[in-house]
């Protein structure tokens, strides 16, 4: 025989389960954010070169390692700095790919545009032990919302073929890039601007 108390408890459990299912079904789907694609590169005018020059240029390639960023950014969450020692996340927004992956892919694309006569390899390219290796570090890489700026310290170095420890080229910079609008899209655009500057700095060094 079902008592009144058991009936009330059973109905309460059923209502709680129904409420949980309703909350899950109405949870907002996060917006997937990516770094904006750079404008298409202008087609290069083909030039006639001697066979020796062509052979030499064919050896000009560089392998880009995964861009190094702070541990707290190794996530799909889109984070910003809201105080000196605290971070926050944009609600209902996520990177379409982990930030370090997106940074590396975007930088490789920008380098290919800046160095059209070079072969730029990333993690998707076969190993080329005789080529140069580009290592990029970005720390910090913070959108400081109170200041409306993306603040970053960037250092990079290019090592020679094989395991040569001494950099052939290197560079560093500290930058503050304005973020507008104050949204995840604005933050992504500022990061893209920073990457373009890094690509131009590297290209000037190796040309």
N, C-alpha and C. Protein backbone atom coordinates (compact mmCIF):
# COMPACT_ATOMS: atom_id res chain seq x y z
N UNK A 1 0.84 -1.20 0.00
CA UNK A 1 0.00 0.00 0.00
C UNK A 1 0.88 1.24 0.00
N UNK A 2 0.61 2.14 -0.90
CA UNK A 2 1.42 3.36 -1.03
C UNK A 2 0.91 4.40 -0.04
N UNK A 3 1.77 4.83 0.84
CA UNK A 3 1.38 5.84 1.82
C UNK A 3 1.43 7.21 1.19
N UNK A 4 0.77 8.16 1.85
CA UNK A 4 0.76 9.54 1.35
C UNK A 4 2.16 10.12 1.33
N UNK A 5 2.95 9.79 2.35
CA UNK A 5 4.32 10.34 2.41
C UNK A 5 5.16 9.84 1.25
N UNK A 6 5.06 8.52 0.96
CA UNK A 6 5.84 7.98 -0.16
C UNK A 6 5.39 8.58 -1.48
N UNK A 7 4.12 8.85 -1.61
CA UNK A 7 3.60 9.45 -2.84
C UNK A 7 4.14 10.85 -3.03
N UNK A 8 4.19 11.62 -1.93
CA UNK A 8 4.72 12.99 -2.01
C UNK A 8 6.20 12.98 -2.37
N UNK A 9 6.96 12.07 -1.75
CA UNK A 9 8.40 11.97 -2.03
C UNK A 9 8.63 11.58 -3.48
N UNK A 10 7.87 10.62 -3.97
CA UNK A 10 8.02 10.17 -5.36
C UNK A 10 7.73 11.30 -6.33
N UNK A 11 6.68 12.05 -6.06
CA UNK A 11 6.36 13.17 -6.94
C UNK A 11 7.45 14.24 -6.89
N UNK A 12 8.01 14.45 -5.69
CA UNK A 12 9.09 15.44 -5.56
C UNK A 12 10.32 15.05 -6.36
N UNK A 13 10.69 13.77 -6.31
CA UNK A 13 11.84 13.28 -7.08
C UNK A 13 11.58 13.42 -8.57
N UNK A 14 10.36 13.09 -8.99
CA UNK A 14 10.02 13.20 -10.41
C UNK A 14 10.09 14.64 -10.89
N UNK A 15 9.59 15.57 -10.07
CA UNK A 15 9.63 16.98 -10.45
C UNK A 15 11.07 17.49 -10.52
N UNK A 16 11.92 17.04 -9.57
CA UNK A 16 13.32 17.45 -9.58
C UNK A 16 14.02 16.94 -10.84
N UNK A 17 13.78 15.68 -11.19
CA UNK A 17 14.39 15.12 -12.40
C UNK A 17 13.91 15.86 -13.64
N UNK A 18 12.62 16.19 -13.66
CA UNK A 18 12.08 16.93 -14.80
C UNK A 18 12.71 18.31 -14.90
N UNK A 19 12.94 18.95 -13.75
CA UNK A 19 13.57 20.26 -13.75
C UNK A 19 15.00 20.21 -14.27
N UNK A 20 15.74 19.16 -13.86
CA UNK A 20 17.11 19.02 -14.33
C UNK A 20 17.15 18.78 -15.83
N UNK A 21 16.26 17.94 -16.32
CA UNK A 21 16.22 17.69 -17.76
C UNK A 21 15.86 18.95 -18.53
N UNK A 22 14.97 19.73 -17.98
CA UNK A 22 14.57 20.98 -18.64
C UNK A 22 15.72 21.96 -18.69
N UNK A 23 16.50 22.04 -17.58
CA UNK A 23 17.65 22.95 -17.55
C UNK A 23 18.69 22.54 -18.57
N UNK A 24 18.92 21.22 -18.68
CA UNK A 24 19.91 20.74 -19.65
C UNK A 24 19.47 21.03 -21.08
N UNK A 25 18.19 20.87 -21.34
CA UNK A 25 17.72 21.05 -22.71
C UNK A 25 17.72 22.51 -23.14
N UNK A 26 17.69 23.44 -22.16
CA UNK A 26 17.65 24.86 -22.51
C UNK A 26 19.00 25.54 -22.36
N UNK A 27 20.07 24.78 -22.01
CA UNK A 27 21.39 25.39 -21.87
C UNK A 27 21.83 25.96 -23.22
N UNK A 28 22.34 27.20 -23.24
CA UNK A 28 22.71 27.82 -24.51
C UNK A 28 23.91 27.12 -25.15
N UNK A 29 23.87 27.00 -26.43
CA UNK A 29 25.00 26.44 -27.18
C UNK A 29 26.07 27.52 -27.32
N UNK A 30 27.33 27.24 -26.92
CA UNK A 30 28.35 28.29 -27.00
C UNK A 30 28.65 28.70 -28.43
N UNK A 31 28.94 29.96 -28.60
CA UNK A 31 29.39 30.48 -29.89
C UNK A 31 30.84 30.10 -30.10
N UNK A 32 31.16 29.50 -31.24
CA UNK A 32 32.53 29.10 -31.54
C UNK A 32 33.27 30.25 -32.20
N UNK A 33 34.40 30.62 -31.62
CA UNK A 33 35.17 31.78 -32.06
C UNK A 33 36.48 31.33 -32.69
N UNK A 34 36.86 31.97 -33.79
CA UNK A 34 38.15 31.70 -34.42
C UNK A 34 38.86 33.02 -34.69
N UNK A 35 40.15 32.94 -34.92
CA UNK A 35 40.89 34.14 -35.32
C UNK A 35 40.46 34.51 -36.73
N UNK A 36 40.28 35.80 -37.00
CA UNK A 36 39.83 36.20 -38.35
C UNK A 36 40.87 35.87 -39.40
N UNK A 37 40.42 35.44 -40.55
CA UNK A 37 41.33 35.13 -41.65
C UNK A 37 41.93 36.42 -42.19
N UNK A 38 43.22 36.42 -42.50
CA UNK A 38 43.83 37.60 -43.12
C UNK A 38 43.32 37.77 -44.54
N UNK A 39 43.41 38.99 -45.08
CA UNK A 39 43.00 39.18 -46.47
C UNK A 39 43.88 38.37 -47.40
N UNK A 40 43.36 37.95 -48.55
CA UNK A 40 44.16 37.16 -49.49
C UNK A 40 45.40 37.92 -49.93
N UNK A 41 46.49 37.18 -50.06
CA UNK A 41 47.73 37.79 -50.51
C UNK A 41 47.63 38.14 -51.99
N UNK A 42 48.28 39.24 -52.37
CA UNK A 42 48.31 39.62 -53.78
C UNK A 42 49.15 38.61 -54.55
N UNK A 43 48.68 38.16 -55.71
CA UNK A 43 49.46 37.19 -56.48
C UNK A 43 50.81 37.76 -56.90
N UNK A 44 51.83 36.97 -56.69
CA UNK A 44 53.18 37.41 -57.05
C UNK A 44 53.38 37.36 -58.56
N UNK A 45 54.14 38.31 -59.07
CA UNK A 45 54.45 38.35 -60.49
C UNK A 45 55.57 37.36 -60.76
N UNK A 46 55.36 36.34 -61.58
CA UNK A 46 56.41 35.36 -61.82
C UNK A 46 57.62 35.99 -62.49
N UNK A 47 58.78 35.57 -62.05
CA UNK A 47 60.03 36.09 -62.60
C UNK A 47 60.85 34.93 -63.13
N UNK A 48 61.60 35.19 -64.18
CA UNK A 48 62.46 34.17 -64.77
C UNK A 48 63.78 34.16 -64.00
N UNK A 49 64.17 32.99 -63.51
CA UNK A 49 65.40 32.89 -62.74
C UNK A 49 66.26 31.78 -63.32
N UNK A 50 67.56 31.92 -63.10
CA UNK A 50 68.50 30.92 -63.57
C UNK A 50 68.30 29.62 -62.80
N UNK A 51 68.64 28.47 -63.39
CA UNK A 51 68.46 27.19 -62.69
C UNK A 51 69.14 27.14 -61.33
N UNK A 52 70.34 27.74 -61.23
CA UNK A 52 71.05 27.71 -59.95
C UNK A 52 70.28 28.47 -58.88
N UNK A 53 69.68 29.60 -59.27
CA UNK A 53 68.90 30.40 -58.32
C UNK A 53 67.66 29.63 -57.89
N UNK A 54 67.00 28.97 -58.85
CA UNK A 54 65.83 28.18 -58.52
C UNK A 54 66.17 27.05 -57.56
N UNK A 55 67.31 26.41 -57.79
CA UNK A 55 67.72 25.31 -56.91
C UNK A 55 67.98 25.81 -55.51
N UNK A 56 68.59 26.99 -55.39
CA UNK A 56 68.88 27.54 -54.07
C UNK A 56 67.60 27.94 -53.35
N UNK A 57 66.67 28.56 -54.08
CA UNK A 57 65.43 29.01 -53.45
C UNK A 57 64.57 27.84 -53.02
N UNK A 58 64.71 26.70 -53.71
CA UNK A 58 63.91 25.54 -53.35
C UNK A 58 64.26 25.01 -51.97
N UNK A 59 65.44 25.37 -51.47
CA UNK A 59 65.88 24.90 -50.16
C UNK A 59 65.46 25.83 -49.04
N UNK A 60 64.76 26.90 -49.36
CA UNK A 60 64.40 27.88 -48.35
C UNK A 60 63.08 27.48 -47.70
N UNK A 61 63.17 26.84 -46.58
CA UNK A 61 61.96 26.48 -45.87
C UNK A 61 62.21 26.59 -44.37
N UNK A 62 61.12 26.73 -43.63
CA UNK A 62 61.20 26.92 -42.19
C UNK A 62 60.06 26.15 -41.54
N UNK A 63 60.36 25.52 -40.43
CA UNK A 63 59.35 24.76 -39.69
C UNK A 63 58.93 25.55 -38.45
N UNK A 64 57.65 25.82 -38.34
CA UNK A 64 57.11 26.56 -37.19
C UNK A 64 56.65 25.58 -36.12
N UNK A 65 57.25 25.68 -34.95
CA UNK A 65 56.81 24.86 -33.83
C UNK A 65 55.52 25.43 -33.22
N UNK A 66 54.85 24.63 -32.42
CA UNK A 66 53.63 25.08 -31.75
C UNK A 66 53.94 26.33 -30.92
N UNK A 67 53.15 27.37 -31.08
CA UNK A 67 53.35 28.62 -30.35
C UNK A 67 53.16 28.37 -28.85
N UNK A 68 54.10 28.87 -28.05
CA UNK A 68 54.05 28.69 -26.60
C UNK A 68 53.30 29.85 -25.95
N UNK A 69 52.28 29.54 -25.15
CA UNK A 69 51.51 30.54 -24.43
C UNK A 69 51.37 30.10 -22.98
N UNK A 70 50.92 30.99 -22.08
CA UNK A 70 50.77 30.60 -20.67
C UNK A 70 49.81 29.43 -20.49
N UNK A 71 50.06 28.66 -19.44
CA UNK A 71 49.25 27.47 -19.15
C UNK A 71 47.77 27.80 -19.02
N UNK A 72 47.45 28.95 -18.44
CA UNK A 72 46.04 29.26 -18.19
C UNK A 72 45.27 29.59 -19.47
N UNK A 73 45.98 29.69 -20.59
CA UNK A 73 45.31 29.92 -21.87
C UNK A 73 45.21 28.65 -22.71
N UNK A 74 45.73 27.55 -22.20
CA UNK A 74 45.70 26.29 -22.94
C UNK A 74 44.33 25.63 -22.76
N UNK A 75 43.33 26.23 -23.37
CA UNK A 75 41.95 25.79 -23.19
C UNK A 75 41.11 26.31 -24.35
N UNK A 76 39.89 25.81 -24.44
CA UNK A 76 38.96 26.35 -25.43
C UNK A 76 38.19 27.55 -24.91
N UNK A 77 38.26 27.79 -23.59
CA UNK A 77 37.57 28.94 -23.01
C UNK A 77 38.26 30.23 -23.46
N UNK A 78 37.47 31.26 -23.74
CA UNK A 78 38.02 32.56 -24.16
C UNK A 78 38.16 33.41 -22.90
N UNK A 79 39.38 33.57 -22.44
CA UNK A 79 39.64 34.22 -21.16
C UNK A 79 40.23 35.61 -21.34
N UNK A 80 39.98 36.44 -20.35
CA UNK A 80 40.56 37.79 -20.30
C UNK A 80 40.94 38.09 -18.86
N UNK A 81 41.75 39.13 -18.70
CA UNK A 81 42.19 39.51 -17.35
C UNK A 81 41.29 40.63 -16.85
N UNK A 82 40.64 40.37 -15.71
CA UNK A 82 39.76 41.40 -15.14
C UNK A 82 40.35 42.07 -13.91
N UNK A 83 41.53 41.61 -13.47
CA UNK A 83 42.27 42.25 -12.38
C UNK A 83 43.70 41.75 -12.46
N UNK A 84 44.57 42.33 -11.62
CA UNK A 84 45.99 41.97 -11.70
C UNK A 84 46.22 40.47 -11.53
N UNK A 85 45.44 39.84 -10.67
CA UNK A 85 45.70 38.43 -10.37
C UNK A 85 44.50 37.52 -10.62
N UNK A 86 43.50 38.01 -11.33
CA UNK A 86 42.33 37.17 -11.60
C UNK A 86 41.96 37.21 -13.07
N UNK A 87 41.40 36.10 -13.53
CA UNK A 87 40.94 35.96 -14.91
C UNK A 87 39.44 35.69 -14.92
N UNK A 88 38.83 35.95 -16.05
CA UNK A 88 37.41 35.65 -16.25
C UNK A 88 37.24 35.09 -17.65
N UNK A 89 36.07 34.53 -17.92
CA UNK A 89 35.78 33.95 -19.23
C UNK A 89 34.55 34.60 -19.83
N UNK A 90 34.59 34.79 -21.15
CA UNK A 90 33.40 35.27 -21.84
C UNK A 90 32.33 34.19 -21.76
N UNK A 91 31.10 34.56 -21.39
CA UNK A 91 30.06 33.54 -21.28
C UNK A 91 29.61 33.02 -22.64
N UNK A 92 29.26 31.75 -22.66
CA UNK A 92 28.68 31.11 -23.86
C UNK A 92 29.55 31.30 -25.10
N UNK A 93 30.87 31.33 -24.91
CA UNK A 93 31.81 31.51 -26.02
C UNK A 93 32.98 30.56 -25.83
N UNK A 94 33.43 29.94 -26.92
CA UNK A 94 34.58 29.04 -26.85
C UNK A 94 35.38 29.15 -28.14
N UNK A 95 36.69 28.96 -28.03
CA UNK A 95 37.52 28.90 -29.23
C UNK A 95 37.12 27.68 -30.04
N UNK A 96 37.05 27.83 -31.34
CA UNK A 96 36.71 26.70 -32.20
C UNK A 96 37.81 25.63 -32.16
N UNK A 97 39.03 26.04 -31.89
CA UNK A 97 40.14 25.13 -31.66
C UNK A 97 40.96 25.72 -30.52
N UNK A 98 41.70 24.90 -29.83
CA UNK A 98 42.49 25.40 -28.71
C UNK A 98 43.34 26.58 -29.16
N UNK A 99 43.50 27.56 -28.27
CA UNK A 99 44.12 28.81 -28.68
C UNK A 99 45.51 28.62 -29.26
N UNK A 100 46.32 27.77 -28.64
CA UNK A 100 47.69 27.60 -29.15
C UNK A 100 47.69 26.98 -30.55
N UNK A 101 46.70 26.16 -30.84
CA UNK A 101 46.58 25.58 -32.18
C UNK A 101 46.19 26.66 -33.19
N UNK A 102 45.20 27.47 -32.82
CA UNK A 102 44.78 28.55 -33.71
C UNK A 102 45.89 29.56 -33.96
N UNK A 103 46.66 29.89 -32.92
CA UNK A 103 47.77 30.82 -33.08
C UNK A 103 48.80 30.28 -34.06
N UNK A 104 49.13 29.01 -33.92
CA UNK A 104 50.14 28.40 -34.79
C UNK A 104 49.67 28.35 -36.24
N UNK A 105 48.43 27.93 -36.45
CA UNK A 105 47.90 27.86 -37.81
C UNK A 105 47.84 29.23 -38.47
N UNK A 106 47.40 30.23 -37.69
CA UNK A 106 47.29 31.58 -38.24
C UNK A 106 48.66 32.16 -38.55
N UNK A 107 49.63 31.95 -37.65
CA UNK A 107 50.97 32.48 -37.89
C UNK A 107 51.60 31.81 -39.10
N UNK A 108 51.39 30.52 -39.28
CA UNK A 108 51.92 29.83 -40.46
C UNK A 108 51.33 30.42 -41.74
N UNK A 109 50.04 30.71 -41.73
CA UNK A 109 49.39 31.31 -42.89
C UNK A 109 49.97 32.69 -43.19
N UNK A 110 50.16 33.49 -42.16
CA UNK A 110 50.71 34.84 -42.34
C UNK A 110 52.16 34.79 -42.83
N UNK A 111 52.93 33.82 -42.35
CA UNK A 111 54.31 33.69 -42.81
C UNK A 111 54.37 33.27 -44.28
N UNK A 112 53.45 32.43 -44.69
CA UNK A 112 53.42 32.04 -46.11
C UNK A 112 53.11 33.24 -47.00
N UNK A 113 52.28 34.14 -46.51
CA UNK A 113 51.98 35.35 -47.27
C UNK A 113 53.18 36.30 -47.28
N UNK A 114 53.86 36.41 -46.13
CA UNK A 114 54.99 37.34 -46.04
C UNK A 114 56.24 36.80 -46.73
N UNK A 115 56.35 35.48 -46.86
CA UNK A 115 57.52 34.86 -47.48
C UNK A 115 57.05 33.92 -48.60
N UNK A 116 56.56 34.48 -49.69
CA UNK A 116 55.98 33.63 -50.75
C UNK A 116 56.97 32.67 -51.40
N UNK A 117 58.26 32.99 -51.34
CA UNK A 117 59.25 32.11 -51.96
C UNK A 117 59.75 31.02 -51.00
N UNK A 118 59.23 31.02 -49.79
CA UNK A 118 59.63 30.03 -48.79
C UNK A 118 58.55 28.97 -48.65
N UNK A 119 58.96 27.81 -48.14
CA UNK A 119 58.02 26.79 -47.70
C UNK A 119 57.93 26.85 -46.19
N UNK A 120 56.76 27.17 -45.67
CA UNK A 120 56.56 27.27 -44.22
C UNK A 120 55.81 26.03 -43.77
N UNK A 121 56.43 25.26 -42.91
CA UNK A 121 55.83 24.02 -42.42
C UNK A 121 55.38 24.21 -40.98
N UNK A 122 54.28 23.54 -40.63
CA UNK A 122 53.86 23.49 -39.23
C UNK A 122 53.71 22.02 -38.87
N UNK A 123 52.88 21.72 -37.91
CA UNK A 123 52.77 20.34 -37.44
C UNK A 123 52.23 19.40 -38.51
N UNK A 124 51.62 19.94 -39.56
CA UNK A 124 51.05 19.10 -40.60
C UNK A 124 52.05 18.77 -41.71
N UNK A 125 53.25 19.32 -41.63
CA UNK A 125 54.24 19.10 -42.69
C UNK A 125 55.18 17.97 -42.30
N UNK A 126 55.75 17.29 -43.27
CA UNK A 126 56.74 16.26 -42.96
C UNK A 126 58.01 16.88 -42.40
N UNK A 127 58.74 16.09 -41.67
CA UNK A 127 59.98 16.57 -41.06
C UNK A 127 61.00 16.90 -42.14
N UNK A 128 61.64 18.06 -41.96
CA UNK A 128 62.68 18.48 -42.90
C UNK A 128 63.92 18.84 -42.06
N UNK A 129 64.78 17.88 -41.77
CA UNK A 129 65.87 18.09 -40.82
C UNK A 129 66.89 19.12 -41.25
N UNK A 130 66.93 19.48 -42.53
CA UNK A 130 67.94 20.44 -42.97
C UNK A 130 67.41 21.87 -42.97
N UNK A 131 66.15 22.08 -42.60
CA UNK A 131 65.58 23.41 -42.62
C UNK A 131 65.77 24.14 -41.31
N UNK A 132 65.34 25.40 -41.29
CA UNK A 132 65.40 26.20 -40.08
C UNK A 132 64.12 25.99 -39.26
N UNK A 133 64.22 26.25 -37.97
CA UNK A 133 63.10 26.04 -37.05
C UNK A 133 62.78 27.35 -36.36
N UNK A 134 61.50 27.73 -36.37
CA UNK A 134 61.04 28.96 -35.72
C UNK A 134 60.28 28.60 -34.45
N UNK A 135 60.72 29.18 -33.34
CA UNK A 135 60.09 28.97 -32.03
C UNK A 135 59.58 30.32 -31.54
N UNK A 136 58.30 30.38 -31.19
CA UNK A 136 57.66 31.63 -30.78
C UNK A 136 57.07 31.46 -29.38
N UNK A 137 57.36 32.42 -28.51
CA UNK A 137 56.80 32.45 -27.17
C UNK A 137 55.98 33.72 -26.99
N UNK A 138 54.77 33.57 -26.46
CA UNK A 138 53.91 34.72 -26.17
C UNK A 138 53.45 34.63 -24.72
N UNK A 139 54.09 35.39 -23.85
CA UNK A 139 53.72 35.38 -22.44
C UNK A 139 54.19 36.68 -21.79
N UNK A 140 53.25 37.47 -21.28
CA UNK A 140 51.82 37.21 -21.22
C UNK A 140 51.15 37.44 -22.58
N UNK A 141 49.89 37.02 -22.65
CA UNK A 141 49.05 37.28 -23.82
C UNK A 141 47.64 37.53 -23.28
N UNK A 142 47.47 38.70 -22.68
CA UNK A 142 46.26 38.98 -21.90
C UNK A 142 45.47 40.15 -22.47
N UNK A 143 44.17 39.95 -22.58
CA UNK A 143 43.28 41.07 -22.86
C UNK A 143 42.89 41.68 -21.51
N UNK A 144 43.41 42.87 -21.25
CA UNK A 144 43.11 43.59 -20.01
C UNK A 144 41.88 44.45 -20.29
N UNK A 145 40.72 43.99 -19.86
CA UNK A 145 39.47 44.66 -20.25
C UNK A 145 39.37 46.07 -19.68
N UNK A 146 39.88 46.28 -18.47
CA UNK A 146 39.78 47.61 -17.88
C UNK A 146 40.53 48.66 -18.68
N UNK A 147 41.59 48.22 -19.38
CA UNK A 147 42.39 49.14 -20.21
C UNK A 147 42.00 49.07 -21.67
N UNK A 148 41.20 48.08 -22.06
CA UNK A 148 40.82 47.92 -23.45
C UNK A 148 41.99 47.56 -24.35
N UNK A 149 42.97 46.81 -23.80
CA UNK A 149 44.18 46.50 -24.56
C UNK A 149 44.57 45.03 -24.43
N UNK A 150 45.10 44.50 -25.51
CA UNK A 150 45.74 43.19 -25.50
C UNK A 150 47.22 43.42 -25.23
N UNK A 151 47.70 42.93 -24.12
CA UNK A 151 49.10 43.14 -23.74
C UNK A 151 49.86 41.83 -23.91
N UNK A 152 50.98 41.93 -24.60
CA UNK A 152 51.73 40.71 -24.92
C UNK A 152 53.21 41.00 -24.96
N UNK A 153 53.98 40.05 -24.46
CA UNK A 153 55.42 40.02 -24.65
C UNK A 153 55.72 38.85 -25.59
N UNK A 154 56.36 39.15 -26.69
CA UNK A 154 56.63 38.14 -27.71
C UNK A 154 58.13 37.99 -27.89
N UNK A 155 58.60 36.77 -27.90
CA UNK A 155 60.00 36.50 -28.25
C UNK A 155 60.02 35.34 -29.24
N UNK A 156 60.93 35.42 -30.17
CA UNK A 156 61.04 34.35 -31.16
C UNK A 156 62.50 34.14 -31.53
N UNK A 157 62.79 32.96 -31.97
CA UNK A 157 64.16 32.65 -32.42
C UNK A 157 64.09 31.61 -33.53
N UNK A 158 65.03 31.71 -34.43
CA UNK A 158 65.16 30.75 -35.52
C UNK A 158 66.49 30.04 -35.36
N UNK A 159 66.44 28.74 -35.23
CA UNK A 159 67.66 27.96 -35.13
C UNK A 159 67.97 27.33 -36.48
N UNK A 160 69.24 27.02 -36.65
CA UNK A 160 69.68 26.47 -37.93
C UNK A 160 69.33 25.01 -38.08
N UNK A 161 69.81 24.39 -39.15
CA UNK A 161 69.50 22.99 -39.42
C UNK A 161 69.94 22.08 -38.28
N UNK A 162 69.22 20.98 -38.15
CA UNK A 162 69.57 20.00 -37.13
C UNK A 162 69.28 20.50 -35.73
N UNK A 163 70.18 20.23 -34.81
CA UNK A 163 69.97 20.59 -33.41
C UNK A 163 70.87 21.74 -32.98
N UNK A 164 71.23 22.62 -33.91
CA UNK A 164 72.09 23.76 -33.59
C UNK A 164 71.44 24.61 -32.51
N UNK A 165 72.06 24.77 -31.33
CA UNK A 165 71.40 25.50 -30.24
C UNK A 165 71.44 27.01 -30.40
N UNK A 166 72.41 27.53 -31.15
CA UNK A 166 72.56 28.97 -31.28
C UNK A 166 71.58 29.52 -32.30
N UNK A 167 70.75 30.51 -31.91
CA UNK A 167 69.79 31.07 -32.87
C UNK A 167 70.49 31.75 -34.04
N UNK A 168 69.95 31.55 -35.22
CA UNK A 168 70.44 32.26 -36.40
C UNK A 168 69.86 33.66 -36.42
N UNK A 169 68.58 33.77 -36.08
CA UNK A 169 67.90 35.06 -35.95
C UNK A 169 67.06 35.02 -34.67
N UNK A 170 66.82 36.18 -34.10
CA UNK A 170 65.95 36.25 -32.92
C UNK A 170 65.36 37.64 -32.82
N UNK A 171 64.29 37.76 -32.07
CA UNK A 171 63.66 39.06 -31.88
C UNK A 171 62.71 39.01 -30.70
N UNK A 172 62.35 40.18 -30.19
CA UNK A 172 61.41 40.26 -29.08
C UNK A 172 60.72 41.61 -29.12
N UNK A 173 59.55 41.67 -28.51
CA UNK A 173 58.79 42.92 -28.47
C UNK A 173 57.76 42.84 -27.35
N UNK A 174 57.42 44.01 -26.82
CA UNK A 174 56.32 44.14 -25.87
C UNK A 174 55.31 45.09 -26.50
N UNK A 175 54.07 44.67 -26.56
CA UNK A 175 53.09 45.46 -27.28
C UNK A 175 51.79 45.58 -26.51
N UNK A 176 51.06 46.65 -26.82
CA UNK A 176 49.70 46.86 -26.31
C UNK A 176 48.83 47.19 -27.51
N UNK A 177 47.93 46.31 -27.83
CA UNK A 177 47.06 46.47 -29.00
C UNK A 177 45.64 46.78 -28.54
N UNK A 178 45.07 47.85 -29.06
CA UNK A 178 43.71 48.21 -28.70
C UNK A 178 42.71 47.16 -29.12
N UNK A 179 41.71 46.92 -28.27
CA UNK A 179 40.66 45.94 -28.56
C UNK A 179 39.35 46.69 -28.76
N UNK A 180 38.79 46.58 -29.94
CA UNK A 180 37.52 47.23 -30.24
C UNK A 180 36.79 46.40 -31.30
N UNK A 181 35.54 46.04 -31.01
CA UNK A 181 34.75 46.34 -29.81
C UNK A 181 35.16 45.47 -28.63
N UNK A 182 34.62 45.80 -27.46
CA UNK A 182 34.92 45.06 -26.24
C UNK A 182 34.08 43.78 -26.22
N UNK A 183 34.47 42.85 -27.08
CA UNK A 183 33.76 41.59 -27.25
C UNK A 183 34.78 40.49 -27.54
N UNK A 184 34.38 39.23 -27.52
CA UNK A 184 35.30 38.18 -27.94
C UNK A 184 35.81 38.37 -29.36
N UNK A 185 34.96 38.87 -30.25
CA UNK A 185 35.38 39.12 -31.63
C UNK A 185 36.47 40.18 -31.67
N UNK A 186 36.32 41.24 -30.88
CA UNK A 186 37.35 42.27 -30.81
C UNK A 186 38.65 41.73 -30.26
N UNK A 187 38.57 40.85 -29.27
CA UNK A 187 39.76 40.23 -28.70
C UNK A 187 40.47 39.38 -29.74
N UNK A 188 39.71 38.59 -30.50
CA UNK A 188 40.31 37.76 -31.55
C UNK A 188 40.97 38.61 -32.62
N UNK A 189 40.35 39.73 -32.98
CA UNK A 189 40.92 40.61 -34.00
C UNK A 189 42.25 41.20 -33.52
N UNK A 190 42.33 41.57 -32.24
CA UNK A 190 43.58 42.12 -31.71
C UNK A 190 44.69 41.07 -31.72
N UNK A 191 44.35 39.83 -31.40
CA UNK A 191 45.34 38.75 -31.45
C UNK A 191 45.84 38.56 -32.88
N UNK A 192 44.94 38.64 -33.84
CA UNK A 192 45.33 38.50 -35.25
C UNK A 192 46.27 39.62 -35.67
N UNK A 193 45.99 40.84 -35.20
CA UNK A 193 46.88 41.97 -35.50
C UNK A 193 48.27 41.73 -34.94
N UNK A 194 48.33 41.21 -33.71
CA UNK A 194 49.62 40.90 -33.09
C UNK A 194 50.37 39.85 -33.89
N UNK A 195 49.68 38.79 -34.32
CA UNK A 195 50.33 37.74 -35.10
C UNK A 195 50.88 38.27 -36.42
N UNK A 196 50.15 39.16 -37.04
CA UNK A 196 50.62 39.75 -38.29
C UNK A 196 51.93 40.52 -38.08
N UNK A 197 52.03 41.22 -36.94
CA UNK A 197 53.26 41.95 -36.65
C UNK A 197 54.43 40.99 -36.44
N UNK A 198 54.16 39.88 -35.76
CA UNK A 198 55.21 38.88 -35.56
C UNK A 198 55.67 38.31 -36.90
N UNK A 199 54.73 38.00 -37.77
CA UNK A 199 55.09 37.46 -39.09
C UNK A 199 55.93 38.45 -39.88
N UNK A 200 55.59 39.73 -39.82
CA UNK A 200 56.36 40.74 -40.54
C UNK A 200 57.76 40.87 -39.96
N UNK A 201 57.88 40.81 -38.63
CA UNK A 201 59.20 40.90 -38.00
C UNK A 201 60.09 39.73 -38.42
N UNK A 202 59.53 38.53 -38.42
CA UNK A 202 60.30 37.35 -38.82
C UNK A 202 60.70 37.45 -40.29
N UNK A 203 59.77 37.87 -41.13
CA UNK A 203 60.04 37.96 -42.57
C UNK A 203 61.16 38.95 -42.84
N UNK A 204 61.14 40.09 -42.16
CA UNK A 204 62.22 41.08 -42.37
C UNK A 204 63.57 40.52 -41.97
N UNK A 205 63.59 39.69 -40.94
CA UNK A 205 64.87 39.16 -40.46
C UNK A 205 65.47 38.14 -41.42
N UNK A 206 64.65 37.34 -42.06
CA UNK A 206 65.18 36.24 -42.87
C UNK A 206 65.31 36.56 -44.34
N UNK A 207 64.72 37.66 -44.79
CA UNK A 207 64.79 37.97 -46.23
C UNK A 207 66.24 38.23 -46.63
